[in-house]
PDB file of N, CA and C in Angstrom:
ATOM      1  N   UNK A   1     -98.510  12.913 -89.710  1.00  0.00           N
ATOM      2  CA  UNK A   1     -97.035  12.696 -89.495  1.00  0.00           C
ATOM      3  C   UNK A   1     -96.300  13.095 -90.802  1.00  0.00           C
ATOM      4  N   UNK A   2     -95.290  14.037 -91.003  1.00  0.00           N
ATOM      5  CA  UNK A   2     -94.461  14.339 -91.949  1.00  0.00           C
ATOM      6  C   UNK A   2     -93.878  12.931 -92.453  1.00  0.00           C
ATOM      7  N   UNK A   3     -93.388  13.236 -93.987  1.00  0.00           N
ATOM      8  CA  UNK A   3     -92.232  12.335 -94.325  1.00  0.00           C
ATOM      9  C   UNK A   3     -90.860  12.734 -93.568  1.00  0.00           C
ATOM     10  N   UNK A   4     -90.223  11.423 -93.441  1.00  0.00           N
ATOM     11  CA  UNK A   4     -88.883  12.143 -93.418  1.00  0.00           C
ATOM     12  C   UNK A   4     -87.713  12.612 -93.761  1.00  0.00           C
ATOM     13  N   UNK A   5     -88.405  13.339 -94.830  1.00  0.00           N
ATOM     14  CA  UNK A   5     -87.721  13.926 -95.801  1.00  0.00           C
ATOM     15  C   UNK A   5     -87.879  15.791 -95.370  1.00  0.00           C
ATOM     16  N   UNK A   6     -88.910  15.620 -94.916  1.00  0.00           N
ATOM     17  CA  UNK A   6     -89.351  16.651 -94.376  1.00  0.00           C
ATOM     18  C   UNK A   6     -89.379  17.267 -92.980  1.00  0.00           C
ATOM     19  N   UNK A   7     -88.544  16.564 -92.036  1.00  0.00           N
ATOM     20  CA  UNK A   7     -88.665  16.819 -90.809  1.00  0.00           C
ATOM     21  C   UNK A   7     -87.295  17.570 -90.626  1.00  0.00           C
ATOM     22  N   UNK A   8     -87.192  18.782 -89.866  1.00  0.00           N
ATOM     23  CA  UNK A   8     -86.162  19.652 -89.777  1.00  0.00           C
ATOM     24  C   UNK A   8     -84.653  19.239 -89.573  1.00  0.00           C
ATOM     25  N   UNK A   9     -84.601  17.684 -89.181  1.00  0.00           N
ATOM     26  CA  UNK A   9     -82.879  17.406 -88.996  1.00  0.00           C
ATOM     27  C   UNK A   9     -82.740  16.438 -90.007  1.00  0.00           C
ATOM     28  N   UNK A  10     -83.757  16.512 -91.137  1.00  0.00           N
ATOM     29  CA  UNK A  10     -83.376  15.238 -92.381  1.00  0.00           C
ATOM     30  C   UNK A  10     -81.789  15.466 -92.988  1.00  0.00           C
ATOM     31  N   UNK A  11     -81.014  16.906 -93.336  1.00  0.00           N
ATOM     32  CA  UNK A  11     -80.347  16.589 -94.293  1.00  0.00           C
ATOM     33  C   UNK A  11     -79.210  16.936 -93.448  1.00  0.00           C
ATOM     34  N   UNK A  12     -79.153  17.531 -92.293  1.00  0.00           N
ATOM     35  CA  UNK A  12     -78.311  17.027 -91.418  1.00  0.00           C
ATOM     36  C   UNK A  12     -77.861  15.663 -91.056  1.00  0.00           C
ATOM     37  N   UNK A  13     -78.797  14.404 -90.760  1.00  0.00           N
ATOM     38  CA  UNK A  13     -78.644  12.939 -90.874  1.00  0.00           C
ATOM     39  C   UNK A  13     -78.530  12.392 -91.604  1.00  0.00           C
ATOM     40  N   UNK A  14     -78.678  13.053 -93.209  1.00  0.00           N
ATOM     41  CA  UNK A  14     -78.260  12.133 -94.188  1.00  0.00           C
ATOM     42  C   UNK A  14     -76.997  12.815 -94.718  1.00  0.00           C
ATOM     43  N   UNK A  15     -76.369  13.768 -94.115  1.00  0.00           N
ATOM     44  CA  UNK A  15     -75.047  14.484 -94.111  1.00  0.00           C
ATOM     45  C   UNK A  15     -74.279  13.454 -93.363  1.00  0.00           C
ATOM     46  N   UNK A  16     -74.223  12.932 -92.173  1.00  0.00           N
ATOM     47  CA  UNK A  16     -73.808  11.903 -91.428  1.00  0.00           C
ATOM     48  C   UNK A  16     -73.882  10.662 -91.584  1.00  0.00           C
ATOM     49  N   UNK A  17     -74.811  10.164 -92.503  1.00  0.00           N
ATOM     50  CA  UNK A  17     -74.892   9.167 -93.137  1.00  0.00           C
ATOM     51  C   UNK A  17     -74.503   8.760 -94.625  1.00  0.00           C
ATOM     52  N   UNK A  18     -73.792   9.890 -94.733  1.00  0.00           N
ATOM     53  CA  UNK A  18     -73.347   9.610 -96.333  1.00  0.00           C
ATOM     54  C   UNK A  18     -72.300   8.557 -96.345  1.00  0.00           C
ATOM     55  N   UNK A  19     -72.438   7.919 -97.291  1.00  0.00           N
ATOM     56  CA  UNK A  19     -71.171   6.865 -97.892  1.00  0.00           C
ATOM     57  C   UNK A  19     -70.140   6.761 -97.400  1.00  0.00           C
ATOM     58  N   UNK A  20     -69.678   7.828 -97.141  1.00  0.00           N
ATOM     59  CA  UNK A  20     -68.233   8.005 -97.067  1.00  0.00           C
ATOM     60  C   UNK A  20     -67.996   7.989 -95.380  1.00  0.00           C
ATOM     61  N   UNK A  21     -69.075   7.787 -94.959  1.00  0.00           N
ATOM     62  CA  UNK A  21     -68.940   7.801 -93.603  1.00  0.00           C
ATOM     63  C   UNK A  21     -69.074   6.385 -93.147  1.00  0.00           C
ATOM     64  N   UNK A  22     -69.569   5.597 -93.608  1.00  0.00           N
ATOM     65  CA  UNK A  22     -70.287   4.263 -93.617  1.00  0.00           C
ATOM     66  C   UNK A  22     -68.919   3.123 -94.608  1.00  0.00           C
ATOM     67  N   UNK A  23     -68.268   3.783 -95.991  1.00  0.00           N
ATOM     68  CA  UNK A  23     -67.774   2.561 -96.576  1.00  0.00           C
ATOM     69  C   UNK A  23     -66.470   2.052 -95.991  1.00  0.00           C
ATOM     70  N   UNK A  24     -65.796   2.691 -94.771  1.00  0.00           N
ATOM     71  CA  UNK A  24     -64.513   2.221 -95.039  1.00  0.00           C
ATOM     72  C   UNK A  24     -64.680   0.620 -94.348  1.00  0.00           C
ATOM     73  N   UNK A  25     -65.764   0.356 -93.719  1.00  0.00           N
ATOM     74  CA  UNK A  25     -66.184  -0.655 -92.813  1.00  0.00           C
ATOM     75  C   UNK A  25     -66.570  -2.318 -94.512  1.00  0.00           C
ATOM     76  N   UNK A  26     -66.713  -1.518 -95.253  1.00  0.00           N
ATOM     77  CA  UNK A  26     -66.958  -2.064 -96.805  1.00  0.00           C
ATOM     78  C   UNK A  26     -65.517  -2.575 -97.298  1.00  0.00           C
ATOM     79  N   UNK A  27     -65.001  -1.775 -97.271  1.00  0.00           N
ATOM     80  CA  UNK A  27     -63.396  -1.823 -97.996  1.00  0.00           C
ATOM     81  C   UNK A  27     -62.738  -2.944 -96.871  1.00  0.00           C
ATOM     82  N   UNK A  28     -62.953  -2.812 -95.478  1.00  0.00           N
ATOM     83  CA  UNK A  28     -61.761  -3.621 -94.786  1.00  0.00           C
ATOM     84  C   UNK A  28     -62.457  -5.065 -95.090  1.00  0.00           C
ATOM     85  N   UNK A  29     -63.577  -4.768 -94.853  1.00  0.00           N
ATOM     86  CA  UNK A  29     -64.122  -6.659 -94.866  1.00  0.00           C
ATOM     87  C   UNK A  29     -64.034  -7.088 -95.931  1.00  0.00           C
ATOM     88  N   UNK A  30     -64.158  -6.440 -97.390  1.00  0.00           N
ATOM     89  CA  UNK A  30     -63.484  -6.816 -98.655  1.00  0.00           C
ATOM     90  C   UNK A  30     -62.184  -7.106 -98.609  1.00  0.00           C
ATOM     91  N   UNK A  31     -61.605  -6.679 -98.193  1.00  0.00           N
ATOM     92  CA  UNK A  31     -60.048  -6.685 -98.253  1.00  0.00           C
ATOM     93  C   UNK A  31     -59.059  -8.056 -97.621  1.00  0.00           C
ATOM     94  N   UNK A  32     -58.356  -8.611 -98.511  1.00  0.00           N
ATOM     95  CA  UNK A  32     -58.078  -9.998 -99.071  1.00  0.00           C
ATOM     96  C   UNK A  32     -57.537 -10.483 -97.048  1.00  0.00           C
ATOM     97  N   UNK A  33     -56.838  -9.160 -96.595  1.00  0.00           N
ATOM     98  CA  UNK A  33     -56.341  -9.547 -95.343  1.00  0.00           C
ATOM     99  C   UNK A  33     -57.402  -9.690 -94.314  1.00  0.00           C
ATOM    100  N   UNK A  34     -58.675  -9.620 -94.592  1.00  0.00           N
ATOM    101  CA  UNK A  34     -59.899  -9.562 -93.697  1.00  0.00           C
ATOM    102  C   UNK A  34     -60.135 -10.870 -93.103  1.00  0.00           C
ATOM    103  N   UNK A  35     -60.383 -11.613 -92.383  1.00  0.00           N
ATOM    104  CA  UNK A  35     -60.788 -12.828 -91.741  1.00  0.00           C
ATOM    105  C   UNK A  35     -62.191 -13.016 -91.552  1.00  0.00           C
ATOM    106  N   UNK A  36     -62.898 -12.047 -91.314  1.00  0.00           N
ATOM    107  CA  UNK A  36     -64.222 -12.083 -91.079  1.00  0.00           C
ATOM    108  C   UNK A  36     -65.260 -12.917 -91.636  1.00  0.00           C
ATOM    109  N   UNK A  37     -66.065 -13.548 -91.091  1.00  0.00           N
ATOM    110  CA  UNK A  37     -66.743 -14.386 -92.024  1.00  0.00           C
ATOM    111  C   UNK A  37     -68.059 -14.712 -91.126  1.00  0.00           C
ATOM    112  N   UNK A  38     -69.077 -14.565 -91.787  1.00  0.00           N
ATOM    113  CA  UNK A  38     -70.584 -14.852 -91.281  1.00  0.00           C
ATOM    114  C   UNK A  38     -70.826 -14.155 -89.779  1.00  0.00           C
ATOM    115  N   UNK A  39     -70.134 -12.680 -89.896  1.00  0.00           N
ATOM    116  CA  UNK A  39     -70.573 -11.880 -89.066  1.00  0.00           C
ATOM    117  C   UNK A  39     -71.517 -10.755 -89.189  1.00  0.00           C
ATOM    118  N   UNK A  40     -71.937  -9.942 -88.487  1.00  0.00           N
ATOM    119  CA  UNK A  40     -72.672  -8.817 -88.776  1.00  0.00           C
ATOM    120  C   UNK A  40     -72.323  -7.558 -88.143  1.00  0.00           C
ATOM    121  N   UNK A  41     -72.224  -6.390 -89.089  1.00  0.00           N
ATOM    122  CA  UNK A  41     -71.583  -5.020 -88.491  1.00  0.00           C
ATOM    123  C   UNK A  41     -73.075  -3.991 -88.503  1.00  0.00           C
ATOM    124  N   UNK A  42     -72.803  -3.334 -88.055  1.00  0.00           N
ATOM    125  CA  UNK A  42     -73.736  -2.017 -88.348  1.00  0.00           C
ATOM    126  C   UNK A  42     -72.578  -0.497 -88.046  1.00  0.00           C
ATOM    127  N   UNK A  43     -72.895   0.113 -89.067  1.00  0.00           N
ATOM    128  CA  UNK A  43     -72.382   1.062 -89.549  1.00  0.00           C
ATOM    129  C   UNK A  43     -73.172   2.487 -89.971  1.00  0.00           C
ATOM    130  N   UNK A  44     -72.617   3.850 -89.275  1.00  0.00           N
ATOM    131  CA  UNK A  44     -73.324   4.955 -89.327  1.00  0.00           C
ATOM    132  C   UNK A  44     -72.636   6.144 -88.924  1.00  0.00           C
ATOM    133  N   UNK A  45     -72.242   6.866 -89.605  1.00  0.00           N
ATOM    134  CA  UNK A  45     -71.691   8.262 -89.127  1.00  0.00           C
ATOM    135  C   UNK A  45     -70.601   8.383 -88.399  1.00  0.00           C
ATOM    136  N   UNK A  46     -69.376   7.444 -88.734  1.00  0.00           N
ATOM    137  CA  UNK A  46     -68.509   7.250 -88.602  1.00  0.00           C
ATOM    138  C   UNK A  46     -67.935   6.196 -87.131  1.00  0.00           C
ATOM    139  N   UNK A  47     -69.673   5.558 -86.942  1.00  0.00           N
ATOM    140  CA  UNK A  47     -69.684   4.347 -85.969  1.00  0.00           C
ATOM    141  C   UNK A  47     -69.479   3.283 -86.595  1.00  0.00           C
ATOM    142  N   UNK A  48     -68.670   2.290 -85.914  1.00  0.00           N
ATOM    143  CA  UNK A  48     -68.562   1.139 -86.575  1.00  0.00           C
ATOM    144  C   UNK A  48     -68.777   0.068 -85.146  1.00  0.00           C
ATOM    145  N   UNK A  49     -69.508  -1.086 -85.402  1.00  0.00           N
ATOM    146  CA  UNK A  49     -69.845  -1.979 -84.246  1.00  0.00           C
ATOM    147  C   UNK A  49     -70.090  -3.511 -84.870  1.00  0.00           C
ATOM    148  N   UNK A  50     -69.824  -4.270 -84.400  1.00  0.00           N
ATOM    149  CA  UNK A  50     -69.865  -5.811 -84.338  1.00  0.00           C
ATOM    150  C   UNK A  50     -70.732  -6.366 -83.552  1.00  0.00           C
ATOM    151  N   UNK A  51     -71.779  -6.879 -84.434  1.00  0.00           N
ATOM    152  CA  UNK A  51     -73.335  -7.625 -83.750  1.00  0.00           C
ATOM    153  C   UNK A  51     -72.601  -9.198 -83.066  1.00  0.00           C
ATOM    154  N   UNK A  52     -73.644  -9.471 -82.173  1.00  0.00           N
ATOM    155  CA  UNK A  52     -73.029 -11.048 -81.991  1.00  0.00           C
ATOM    156  C   UNK A  52     -74.360 -11.549 -82.034  1.00  0.00           C
ATOM    157  N   UNK A  53     -74.214 -12.682 -82.523  1.00  0.00           N
ATOM    158  CA  UNK A  53     -75.620 -13.667 -83.004  1.00  0.00           C
ATOM    159  C   UNK A  53     -75.285 -14.586 -82.015  1.00  0.00           C
ATOM    160  N   UNK A  54     -76.437 -14.610 -81.390  1.00  0.00           N
ATOM    161  CA  UNK A  54     -76.807 -15.553 -79.710  1.00  0.00           C
ATOM    162  C   UNK A  54     -77.895 -15.998 -79.542  1.00  0.00           C
ATOM    163  N   UNK A  55     -77.369 -17.301 -79.113  1.00  0.00           N
ATOM    164  CA  UNK A  55     -78.168 -18.594 -79.519  1.00  0.00           C
ATOM    165  C   UNK A  55     -78.852 -18.878 -77.725  1.00  0.00           C
ATOM    166  N   UNK A  56     -80.352 -18.377 -77.350  1.00  0.00           N
ATOM    167  CA  UNK A  56     -80.662 -18.901 -75.939  1.00  0.00           C
ATOM    168  C   UNK A  56     -80.357 -20.619 -75.510  1.00  0.00           C
ATOM    169  N   UNK A  57     -81.032 -20.918 -74.157  1.00  0.00           N
ATOM    170  CA  UNK A  57     -80.597 -22.748 -73.918  1.00  0.00           C
ATOM    171  C   UNK A  57     -81.697 -23.234 -75.017  1.00  0.00           C
ATOM    172  N   UNK A  58     -81.123 -24.385 -75.250  1.00  0.00           N
ATOM    173  CA  UNK A  58     -82.023 -25.334 -76.093  1.00  0.00           C
ATOM    174  C   UNK A  58     -83.604 -25.452 -75.271  1.00  0.00           C
ATOM    175  N   UNK A  59     -84.480 -25.547 -76.129  1.00  0.00           N
ATOM    176  CA  UNK A  59     -86.048 -26.192 -75.910  1.00  0.00           C
ATOM    177  C   UNK A  59     -85.648 -27.365 -76.559  1.00  0.00           C
ATOM    178  N   UNK A  60     -86.062 -28.740 -76.042  1.00  0.00           N
ATOM    179  CA  UNK A  60     -86.474 -29.552 -77.006  1.00  0.00           C
ATOM    180  C   UNK A  60     -88.026 -30.684 -76.592  1.00  0.00           C
ATOM    181  N   UNK A  61     -88.567 -30.580 -77.674  1.00  0.00           N
ATOM    182  CA  UNK A  61     -89.811 -31.068 -76.999  1.00  0.00           C
ATOM    183  C   UNK A  61     -90.172 -32.114 -78.262  1.00  0.00           C
ATOM    184  N   UNK A  62     -89.180 -33.470 -78.082  1.00  0.00           N
ATOM    185  CA  UNK A  62     -88.754 -34.267 -78.639  1.00  0.00           C
ATOM    186  C   UNK A  62     -89.340 -35.965 -77.848  1.00  0.00           C
ATOM    187  N   UNK A  63     -89.457 -37.020 -78.371  1.00  0.00           N
ATOM    188  CA  UNK A  63     -89.335 -38.275 -77.668  1.00  0.00           C
ATOM    189  C   UNK A  63     -88.607 -38.590 -76.565  1.00  0.00           C
ATOM    190  N   UNK A  64     -87.291 -37.937 -76.786  1.00  0.00           N
ATOM    191  CA  UNK A  64     -86.848 -37.709 -75.648  1.00  0.00           C
ATOM    192  C   UNK A  64     -87.192 -37.515 -74.130  1.00  0.00           C
ATOM    193  N   UNK A  65     -88.225 -36.609 -74.621  1.00  0.00           N
ATOM    194  CA  UNK A  65     -88.708 -35.740 -73.457  1.00  0.00           C
ATOM    195  C   UNK A  65     -90.503 -36.730 -73.239  1.00  0.00           C
ATOM    196  N   UNK A  66     -90.333 -37.503 -73.848  1.00  0.00           N
ATOM    197  CA  UNK A  66     -91.683 -37.891 -73.912  1.00  0.00           C
ATOM    198  C   UNK A  66     -93.137 -37.549 -74.748  1.00  0.00           C
ATOM    199  N   UNK A  67     -92.327 -36.583 -75.605  1.00  0.00           N
ATOM    200  CA  UNK A  67     -93.617 -35.980 -77.035  1.00  0.00           C
ATOM    201  C   UNK A  67     -94.112 -37.029 -77.801  1.00  0.00           C
ATOM    202  N   UNK A  68     -94.688 -37.279 -78.386  1.00  0.00           N
ATOM    203  CA  UNK A  68     -95.374 -38.145 -79.207  1.00  0.00           C
ATOM    204  C   UNK A  68     -95.721 -37.058 -80.249  1.00  0.00           C
ATOM    205  N   UNK A  69     -95.246 -37.407 -81.276  1.00  0.00           N
ATOM    206  CA  UNK A  69     -95.580 -36.420 -82.561  1.00  0.00           C
ATOM    207  C   UNK A  69     -95.008 -35.135 -82.687  1.00  0.00           C
ATOM    208  N   UNK A  70     -95.486 -34.846 -83.631  1.00  0.00           N
ATOM    209  CA  UNK A  70     -94.591 -33.368 -83.473  1.00  0.00           C
ATOM    210  C   UNK A  70     -95.504 -32.336 -82.351  1.00  0.00           C
ATOM    211  N   UNK A  71     -94.238 -31.178 -82.101  1.00  0.00           N
ATOM    212  CA  UNK A  71     -93.937 -30.427 -81.093  1.00  0.00           C
ATOM    213  C   UNK A  71     -95.276 -29.452 -81.671  1.00  0.00           C
ATOM    214  N   UNK A  72     -96.059 -28.861 -80.303  1.00  0.00           N
ATOM    215  CA  UNK A  72     -97.395 -28.034 -80.655  1.00  0.00           C
ATOM    216  C   UNK A  72     -97.391 -26.617 -79.824  1.00  0.00           C
ATOM    217  N   UNK A  73     -97.851 -25.587 -80.432  1.00  0.00           N
ATOM    218  CA  UNK A  73     -97.339 -24.335 -80.228  1.00  0.00           C
ATOM    219  C   UNK A  73     -97.958 -24.098 -78.762  1.00  0.00           C
ATOM    220  N   UNK A  74     -98.196 -25.028 -77.936  1.00  0.00           N
ATOM    221  CA  UNK A  74     -98.375 -24.862 -76.596  1.00  0.00           C
ATOM    222  C   UNK A  74     -97.347 -25.356 -76.302  1.00  0.00           C
ATOM    223  N   UNK A  75     -96.480 -26.126 -76.429  1.00  0.00           N
ATOM    224  CA  UNK A  75     -95.337 -26.851 -75.772  1.00  0.00           C
ATOM    225  C   UNK A  75     -94.487 -25.853 -76.077  1.00  0.00           C
ATOM    226  N   UNK A  76     -94.325 -25.318 -77.172  1.00  0.00           N
ATOM    227  CA  UNK A  76     -93.540 -23.771 -77.214  1.00  0.00           C
ATOM    228  C   UNK A  76     -94.032 -23.057 -76.222  1.00  0.00           C
ATOM    229  N   UNK A  77     -95.096 -22.321 -76.357  1.00  0.00           N
ATOM    230  CA  UNK A  77     -95.591 -21.468 -75.294  1.00  0.00           C
ATOM    231  C   UNK A  77     -94.998 -22.065 -73.677  1.00  0.00           C
ATOM    232  N   UNK A  78     -95.493 -22.989 -73.457  1.00  0.00           N
ATOM    233  CA  UNK A  78     -94.959 -23.796 -71.954  1.00  0.00           C
ATOM    234  C   UNK A  78     -93.113 -23.418 -71.736  1.00  0.00           C
ATOM    235  N   UNK A  79     -92.197 -23.694 -72.836  1.00  0.00           N
ATOM    236  CA  UNK A  79     -91.175 -23.462 -72.948  1.00  0.00           C
ATOM    237  C   UNK A  79     -90.522 -22.259 -72.985  1.00  0.00           C
ATOM    238  N   UNK A  80     -91.269 -21.112 -72.707  1.00  0.00           N
ATOM    239  CA  UNK A  80     -90.896 -19.926 -73.263  1.00  0.00           C
ATOM    240  C   UNK A  80     -89.836 -19.367 -72.493  1.00  0.00           C
ATOM    241  N   UNK A  81     -89.835 -19.716 -71.091  1.00  0.00           N
ATOM    242  CA  UNK A  81     -88.875 -19.320 -70.092  1.00  0.00           C
ATOM    243  C   UNK A  81     -87.632 -19.819 -70.683  1.00  0.00           C
ATOM    244  N   UNK A  82     -87.297 -21.298 -71.209  1.00  0.00           N
ATOM    245  CA  UNK A  82     -86.095 -21.678 -71.489  1.00  0.00           C
ATOM    246  C   UNK A  82     -85.150 -20.794 -72.700  1.00  0.00           C
ATOM    247  N   UNK A  83     -86.743 -20.459 -73.598  1.00  0.00           N
ATOM    248  CA  UNK A  83     -86.283 -19.497 -75.017  1.00  0.00           C
ATOM    249  C   UNK A  83     -85.679 -18.814 -74.686  1.00  0.00           C
ATOM    250  N   UNK A  84     -86.041 -17.957 -73.692  1.00  0.00           N
ATOM    251  CA  UNK A  84     -85.536 -16.428 -73.302  1.00  0.00           C
ATOM    252  C   UNK A  84     -84.388 -16.770 -72.270  1.00  0.00           C
ATOM    253  N   UNK A  85     -83.570 -17.673 -72.105  1.00  0.00           N
ATOM    254  CA  UNK A  85     -82.499 -17.974 -71.550  1.00  0.00           C
ATOM    255  C   UNK A  85     -81.288 -17.638 -72.576  1.00  0.00           C
ATOM    256  N   UNK A  86     -80.912 -16.905 -72.100  1.00  0.00           N
ATOM    257  CA  UNK A  86     -79.354 -16.657 -73.113  1.00  0.00           C
ATOM    258  C   UNK A  86     -78.273 -16.997 -72.083  1.00  0.00           C
ATOM    259  N   UNK A  87     -78.351 -17.333 -70.808  1.00  0.00           N
ATOM    260  CA  UNK A  87     -77.140 -17.597 -69.605  1.00  0.00           C
ATOM    261  C   UNK A  87     -76.951 -18.531 -70.045  1.00  0.00           C
ATOM    262  N   UNK A  88     -77.694 -19.912 -70.593  1.00  0.00           N
ATOM    263  CA  UNK A  88     -77.469 -21.282 -70.980  1.00  0.00           C
ATOM    264  C   UNK A  88     -77.143 -21.581 -72.196  1.00  0.00           C
ATOM    265  N   UNK A  89     -77.310 -20.243 -72.814  1.00  0.00           N
ATOM    266  CA  UNK A  89     -77.314 -20.464 -74.575  1.00  0.00           C
ATOM    267  C   UNK A  89     -75.558 -20.529 -74.529  1.00  0.00           C
ATOM    268  N   UNK A  90     -75.475 -20.156 -76.025  1.00  0.00           N
ATOM    269  CA  UNK A  90     -74.084 -20.087 -76.801  1.00  0.00           C
ATOM    270  C   UNK A  90     -73.893 -18.817 -77.892  1.00  0.00           C
ATOM    271  N   UNK A  91     -73.076 -18.410 -78.264  1.00  0.00           N
ATOM    272  CA  UNK A  91     -72.518 -17.283 -79.289  1.00  0.00           C
ATOM    273  C   UNK A  91     -71.758 -18.148 -80.223  1.00  0.00           C
ATOM    274  N   UNK A  92     -72.859 -18.529 -81.517  1.00  0.00           N
ATOM    275  CA  UNK A  92     -72.190 -18.958 -82.155  1.00  0.00           C
ATOM    276  C   UNK A  92     -71.282 -18.443 -83.249  1.00  0.00           C
ATOM    277  N   UNK A  93     -70.117 -18.628 -83.921  1.00  0.00           N
ATOM    278  CA  UNK A  93     -69.414 -18.450 -84.451  1.00  0.00           C
ATOM    279  C   UNK A  93     -69.668 -18.038 -86.004  1.00  0.00           C
ATOM    280  N   UNK A  94     -70.578 -18.519 -86.307  1.00  0.00           N
ATOM    281  CA  UNK A  94     -71.278 -18.172 -88.161  1.00  0.00           C
ATOM    282  C   UNK A  94     -72.629 -18.607 -87.658  1.00  0.00           C
ATOM    283  N   UNK A  95     -73.026 -18.073 -88.996  1.00  0.00           N
ATOM    284  CA  UNK A  95     -74.488 -17.831 -89.221  1.00  0.00           C
ATOM    285  C   UNK A  95     -74.848 -19.210 -90.036  1.00  0.00           C
ATOM    286  N   UNK A  96     -73.703 -20.531 -90.290  1.00  0.00           N
ATOM    287  CA  UNK A  96     -73.879 -21.477 -91.184  1.00  0.00           C
ATOM    288  C   UNK A  96     -74.842 -22.377 -91.341  1.00  0.00           C
ATOM    289  N   UNK A  97     -75.814 -22.503 -90.071  1.00  0.00           N
ATOM    290  CA  UNK A  97     -77.184 -23.206 -90.117  1.00  0.00           C
ATOM    291  C   UNK A  97     -77.113 -23.953 -89.405  1.00  0.00           C
ATOM    292  N   UNK A  98     -75.906 -24.816 -89.100  1.00  0.00           N
ATOM    293  CA  UNK A  98     -75.858 -25.845 -87.656  1.00  0.00           C
ATOM    294  C   UNK A  98     -76.850 -25.224 -86.420  1.00  0.00           C
ATOM    295  N   UNK A  99     -77.044 -26.323 -86.047  1.00  0.00           N
ATOM    296  CA  UNK A  99     -77.987 -26.187 -84.839  1.00  0.00           C
ATOM    297  C   UNK A  99     -76.822 -26.579 -83.459  1.00  0.00           C
ATOM    298  N   UNK A 100     -77.408 -25.890 -82.519  1.00  0.00           N
ATOM    299  CA  UNK A 100     -76.497 -26.074 -81.253  1.00  0.00           C
ATOM    300  C   UNK A 100     -76.265 -27.339 -80.935  1.00  0.00           C
ATOM    301  N   UNK A 101     -75.118 -27.900 -80.131  1.00  0.00           N
ATOM    302  CA  UNK A 101     -74.983 -29.080 -79.575  1.00  0.00           C
ATOM    303  C   UNK A 101     -75.699 -29.312 -78.381  1.00  0.00           C
ATOM    304  N   UNK A 102     -76.510 -29.834 -78.144  1.00  0.00           N
ATOM    305  CA  UNK A 102     -76.440 -31.643 -78.840  1.00  0.00           C
ATOM    306  C   UNK A 102     -77.814 -31.568 -79.854  1.00  0.00           C
ATOM    307  N   UNK A 103     -77.241 -31.599 -80.960  1.00  0.00           N
ATOM    308  CA  UNK A 103     -78.200 -31.521 -82.251  1.00  0.00           C
ATOM    309  C   UNK A 103     -79.770 -32.395 -81.825  1.00  0.00           C
ATOM    310  N   UNK A 104     -80.392 -31.757 -82.483  1.00  0.00           N
ATOM    311  CA  UNK A 104     -82.164 -32.201 -82.066  1.00  0.00           C
ATOM    312  C   UNK A 104     -81.726 -33.348 -82.824  1.00  0.00           C
ATOM    313  N   UNK A 105     -81.256 -33.604 -84.023  1.00  0.00           N
ATOM    314  CA  UNK A 105     -81.136 -34.672 -84.755  1.00  0.00           C
ATOM    315  C   UNK A 105     -80.677 -36.252 -83.712  1.00  0.00           C
ATOM    316  N   UNK A 106     -79.755 -35.840 -82.885  1.00  0.00           N
ATOM    317  CA  UNK A 106     -79.037 -36.469 -82.254  1.00  0.00           C
ATOM    318  C   UNK A 106     -79.952 -37.679 -81.242  1.00  0.00           C
ATOM    319  N   UNK A 107     -80.496 -36.648 -80.829  1.00  0.00           N
ATOM    320  CA  UNK A 107     -81.930 -36.786 -79.450  1.00  0.00           C
ATOM    321  C   UNK A 107     -82.367 -38.088 -79.866  1.00  0.00           C
TER     322      UNK A 107
END
């Protein structure tokens, strides 16, 4: 395989991804009137998008479910369908580290 710098469209791709084609979103996010917090964006070639951080349905493997001790990998594997269920999840407004409700610590 050739290094990417030696591919036929490399120069064209780099021209599309030039700093001036992506810097507008950086300037906007740094502007005093911008109220975005803890958001994720992608930019390239004049394309801009905001990504959404999404949480799946919670899988609880705790004493409230009759589990003694620490959760095991097998218990997590058994809950794989729950972890893949984004329909019962939520979309946190920030990546501040808070857990979904109800908090596992409250269970």
